C-alpha atoms as a PDB file:
ATOM      1  CA  MET A   1       0.000   0.000   0.000  1.00  0.00           C
ATOM      2  CA  LYS A   2       2.984   2.251   0.578  1.00  0.00           C
ATOM      3  CA  VAL A   3       4.089   1.864  -3.051  1.00  0.00           C
ATOM      4  CA  SER A   4       0.742   2.119  -4.826  1.00  0.00           C
ATOM      5  CA  GLY A   5      -1.041   4.561  -2.539  1.00  0.00           C
ATOM      6  CA  HIS A   6      -4.036   2.288  -1.965  1.00  0.00           C
ATOM      7  CA  LYS A   7      -5.846   3.019   1.283  1.00  0.00           C
ATOM      8  CA  THR A   8      -7.209  -0.469   1.918  1.00  0.00           C
ATOM      9  CA  ARG A   9      -5.814  -3.979   1.608  1.00  0.00           C
ATOM     10  CA  SER A  10      -8.366  -5.025  -1.047  1.00  0.00           C
ATOM     11  CA  MET A  11      -5.952  -4.722  -3.975  1.00  0.00           C
ATOM     12  CA  LEU A  12      -3.181  -6.476  -2.049  1.00  0.00           C
ATOM     13  CA  ASP A  13      -5.514  -9.304  -1.084  1.00  0.00           C
ATOM     14  CA  ARG A  14      -6.836  -9.588  -4.624  1.00  0.00           C
ATOM     15  CA  TYR A  15      -3.352 -10.094  -6.071  1.00  0.00           C
ATOM     16  CA  ASN A  16      -2.042 -11.967  -3.021  1.00  0.00           C
ATOM     17  CA  ILE A  17       0.762  -9.506  -2.283  1.00  0.00           C
ATOM     18  CA  VAL A  18       1.845 -10.349   1.222  1.00  0.00           C
ATOM     19  CA  GLU A  19       5.650 -10.459   1.289  1.00  0.00           C
ATOM     20  CA  GLU A  20       7.585  -7.403   2.391  1.00  0.00           C
ATOM     21  CA  THR A  21      10.272  -8.418  -0.123  1.00  0.00           C
ATOM     22  CA  GLU A  22       7.717  -8.065  -2.921  1.00  0.00           C
ATOM     23  CA  THR A  23       6.921  -4.555  -1.707  1.00  0.00           C
ATOM     24  CA  ALA A  24      10.621  -3.709  -1.530  1.00  0.00           C
ATOM     25  CA  ALA A  25      11.188  -5.081  -5.047  1.00  0.00           C
ATOM     26  CA  ALA A  26       8.252  -3.045  -6.413  1.00  0.00           C
ATOM     27  CA  LEU A  27       9.597   0.079  -4.747  1.00  0.00           C
ATOM     28  CA  ALA A  28      13.058  -0.531  -6.223  1.00  0.00           C
ATOM     29  CA  LYS A  29      11.566  -0.970  -9.715  1.00  0.00           C
ATOM     30  CA  ALA A  30       9.510   2.201  -9.381  1.00  0.00           C
ATOM     31  CA  ASP A  31      12.540   4.115  -8.143  1.00  0.00           C
ATOM     32  CA  ALA A  32      14.674   2.824 -11.035  1.00  0.00           C
ATOM     33  CA  TYR A  33      12.019   3.899 -13.540  1.00  0.00           C
ATOM     34  CA  LEU A  34      11.566   7.339 -12.003  1.00  0.00           C
ATOM     35  CA  SER A  35      15.318   7.940 -11.997  1.00  0.00           C
ATOM     36  CA  THR A  36      15.289   7.635 -15.815  1.00  0.00           C
ATOM     37  CA  GLN A  37      12.623  10.345 -16.188  1.00  0.00           C
ATOM     38  CA  PRO A  38      13.579  13.988 -16.774  1.00  0.00           C
ATOM     39  CA  SER A  39      13.504  16.111 -13.652  1.00  0.00           C
ATOM     40  CA  GLU A  40      12.034  19.119 -15.459  1.00  0.00           C
ATOM     41  CA  ARG A  41       8.990  19.310 -17.689  1.00  0.00           C
ATOM     42  CA  ASN A  42       9.367  20.527 -21.238  1.00  0.00           C
ATOM     43  CA  VAL A  43       5.665  21.200 -21.795  1.00  0.00           C
ATOM     44  CA  GLU A  44       4.342  24.701 -22.242  1.00  0.00           C
ATOM     45  CA  ALA A  45       0.754  25.685 -21.565  1.00  0.00           C
ATOM     46  CA  LEU A  46      -1.316  26.653 -24.582  1.00  0.00           C
ATOM     47  CA  GLY A  47      -2.846  30.084 -24.744  1.00  0.00           C
ATOM     48  CA  HIS A  48      -6.588  30.382 -24.199  1.00  0.00           C
ATOM     49  CA  ALA A  49      -7.371  30.982 -27.900  1.00  0.00           C
ATOM     50  CA  GLN A  50      -5.287  28.001 -29.032  1.00  0.00           C
ATOM     51  CA  ASN A  51      -6.847  25.763 -26.410  1.00  0.00           C
ATOM     52  CA  ALA A  52     -10.389  26.754 -27.440  1.00  0.00           C
ATOM     53  CA  HIS A  53      -9.549  26.038 -31.103  1.00  0.00           C
ATOM     54  CA  ILE A  54      -8.224  22.567 -30.256  1.00  0.00           C
ATOM     55  CA  GLN A  55     -11.264  21.728 -28.139  1.00  0.00           C
ATOM     56  CA  ALA A  56     -13.603  22.842 -30.941  1.00  0.00           C
ATOM     57  CA  SER A  57     -11.797  20.680 -33.499  1.00  0.00           C
ATOM     58  CA  ARG A  58     -11.990  17.688 -31.150  1.00  0.00           C
ATOM     59  CA  ARG A  59     -15.743  18.160 -30.759  1.00  0.00           C
ATOM     60  CA  LYS A  60     -16.143  18.194 -34.554  1.00  0.00           C
ATOM     61  CA  THR A  61     -14.084  15.003 -34.845  1.00  0.00           C
ATOM     62  CA  VAL A  62     -16.194  13.219 -32.261  1.00  0.00           C
ATOM     63  CA  ARG A  63     -19.434  14.308 -33.949  1.00  0.00           C
ATOM     64  CA  ASN A  64     -18.262  13.116 -37.373  1.00  0.00           C
ATOM     65  CA  GLN A  65     -17.289   9.626 -36.244  1.00  0.00           C
ATOM     66  CA  PRO A  66     -19.640   6.902 -37.442  1.00  0.00           C
ATOM     67  CA  THR A  67     -21.640   5.104 -34.765  1.00  0.00           C
ATOM     68  CA  THR A  68     -21.513   1.338 -34.494  1.00  0.00           C
END
């Protein structure tokens, strides 16, 4: 629960995670993955006008998709 942030044991019980070594191994894997990620973001926020244009084009795309 410390690794995943779950508040109850239900997920741990469901997947039968009971060993502390399994928790330690999961934490080590997560730490190894996170250490490969960039420490700074390279994403810039869109301006309001650009964002509105993108949202409008997405709505048109969704409307024009055929239904199954």
